[in-house]
Protein backbone atom coordinates (compact mmCIF):
# COMPACT_ATOMS: atom_id res chain seq x y z
CA MET A 1 -8.08 47.09 -10.68
CA PRO A 2 -5.97 43.99 -10.53
CA LEU A 3 -2.16 44.30 -9.44
CA THR A 4 0.42 45.41 -11.67
CA PRO A 5 3.77 44.07 -11.95
CA TRP A 6 6.30 46.70 -10.75
CA TYR A 7 8.28 46.79 -13.98
CA PHE A 8 5.01 47.16 -15.95
CA PRO A 9 3.69 49.92 -14.07
CA ASN A 10 1.37 51.66 -16.71
CA GLN A 11 -0.19 48.11 -17.90
CA HIS A 12 -2.84 46.06 -16.29
CA ALA A 13 -2.12 42.61 -15.54
CA VAL A 14 -4.02 40.37 -18.05
CA THR A 15 -4.37 36.89 -17.46
CA PRO A 16 -5.25 34.81 -20.23
CA GLU A 17 -8.34 32.70 -20.46
CA PRO A 18 -7.76 29.27 -19.93
CA GLN A 19 -8.50 26.84 -23.14
CA GLU A 20 -9.81 23.65 -22.74
CA PRO A 21 -7.83 21.06 -24.65
CA ALA A 22 -9.56 19.84 -27.86
CA LYS A 23 -10.99 16.70 -27.27
CA PRO A 24 -10.92 14.29 -30.21
CA GLU A 25 -13.73 12.21 -31.01
CA MET A 26 -13.94 8.83 -29.21
CA SER A 27 -13.92 5.93 -31.26
CA GLU A 28 -16.56 3.15 -30.81
CA ARG A 29 -13.95 0.60 -29.33
CA GLU A 30 -12.82 3.32 -26.58
CA VAL A 31 -16.25 4.18 -25.80
CA ARG A 32 -17.21 0.45 -25.26
CA SER A 33 -14.12 0.30 -23.22
CA LEU A 34 -15.00 3.06 -21.13
CA ARG A 35 -18.73 1.80 -20.59
CA ARG A 36 -17.14 -1.88 -19.80
CA LYS A 37 -14.85 -0.01 -17.16
CA GLN A 38 -17.50 1.78 -15.87
CA ALA A 39 -19.61 -1.37 -15.63
CA ASN A 40 -16.65 -3.31 -13.77
CA ARG A 41 -16.57 -0.51 -11.31
CA ASP A 42 -20.33 -0.64 -10.73
CA SER A 43 -19.97 -4.08 -10.32
CA ALA A 44 -17.15 -4.38 -7.74
CA ARG A 45 -18.69 -1.60 -6.05
CA LYS A 46 -22.10 -3.79 -5.74
CA SER A 47 -19.65 -6.83 -4.68
CA LYS A 48 -17.99 -4.92 -1.98
CA LEU A 49 -21.67 -3.78 -0.76
CA ARG A 50 -22.90 -7.33 -0.84
CA LYS A 51 -20.01 -8.50 0.97
CA LYS A 52 -20.20 -5.91 3.95
CA VAL A 53 -24.15 -6.62 4.40
CA GLU A 54 -22.93 -10.60 4.51
CA VAL A 55 -20.10 -9.79 6.79
CA GLU A 56 -22.42 -7.82 9.02
CA GLN A 57 -25.10 -10.53 9.10
CA LEU A 58 -22.51 -13.42 10.06
CA SER A 59 -21.26 -11.10 13.10
CA ARG A 60 -24.82 -10.91 14.60
CA LYS A 61 -25.50 -14.62 13.91
CA LYS A 62 -22.37 -15.25 15.50
CA GLU A 63 -23.32 -13.15 18.40
CA GLU A 64 -26.50 -14.93 18.63
CA LEU A 65 -25.01 -18.31 18.51
CA CYS A 66 -22.21 -17.40 20.93
CA GLY A 67 -25.11 -16.06 23.42
CA GLU A 68 -27.30 -19.47 23.00
CA ASN A 69 -24.10 -21.35 23.62
CA VAL A 70 -23.49 -19.55 26.82
CA GLY A 71 -27.29 -20.75 27.90
CA LEU A 72 -26.99 -23.74 26.60
CA ARG A 73 -23.82 -24.62 28.60
CA ALA A 74 -25.39 -23.31 31.86
CA GLN A 75 -28.49 -25.75 31.04
CA LEU A 76 -25.72 -28.77 30.37
CA THR A 77 -23.95 -28.18 33.79
CA GLU A 78 -27.58 -27.95 35.85
CA THR A 79 -28.75 -31.13 34.06
CA GLU A 80 -25.46 -32.89 34.87
CA SER A 81 -25.93 -31.94 38.50
CA ARG A 82 -29.48 -32.91 38.61
CA VAL A 83 -28.34 -36.53 37.11
CA THR A 84 -25.69 -36.79 39.60
CA ASP A 85 -28.09 -36.19 42.66
CA LEU A 86 -30.91 -38.29 41.19
CA GLN A 87 -28.47 -41.39 40.71
CA SER A 88 -27.42 -41.02 44.30
CA LYS A 89 -30.84 -40.91 45.39
CA ASN A 90 -31.44 -43.96 43.22
CA SER A 91 -28.70 -45.31 45.07
CA SER A 92 -29.63 -44.74 48.27
CA LEU A 93 -33.06 -45.97 47.54
CA LYS A 94 -31.89 -49.16 46.20
CA GLU A 95 -29.66 -49.65 49.41
CA GLN A 96 -32.71 -49.05 51.42
CA ILE A 97 -34.84 -51.74 49.47
CA GLN A 98 -32.12 -54.43 50.06
CA ALA A 99 -31.93 -53.60 53.39
CA TYR A 100 -35.64 -54.23 53.85
CA LEU A 101 -35.53 -56.92 52.04
CA ASN A 102 -32.75 -58.77 53.91
CA LYS A 103 -34.73 -58.15 56.98
């Protein structure tokens, strides 16, 4: 039994049934407008998803290229060091040849 207000002790509390407001028929123009709005929302959602996927792919590619860059820089440093060493050996050998020829 529902609680009754104190000022109506012998009556049951009755809550009226909520009534849905009458929905007027929508015109064809309103229907098209709603469809267009929904299509625009769907298009925007798809565009955001495509952009998110693209950003994620670019982020992965960036990480891959950064790693490759680190490796290439290390390889360049090693190659430059090797070139310097070979130039030094080449100069030394040229000096030895010159000294041999001058005897």
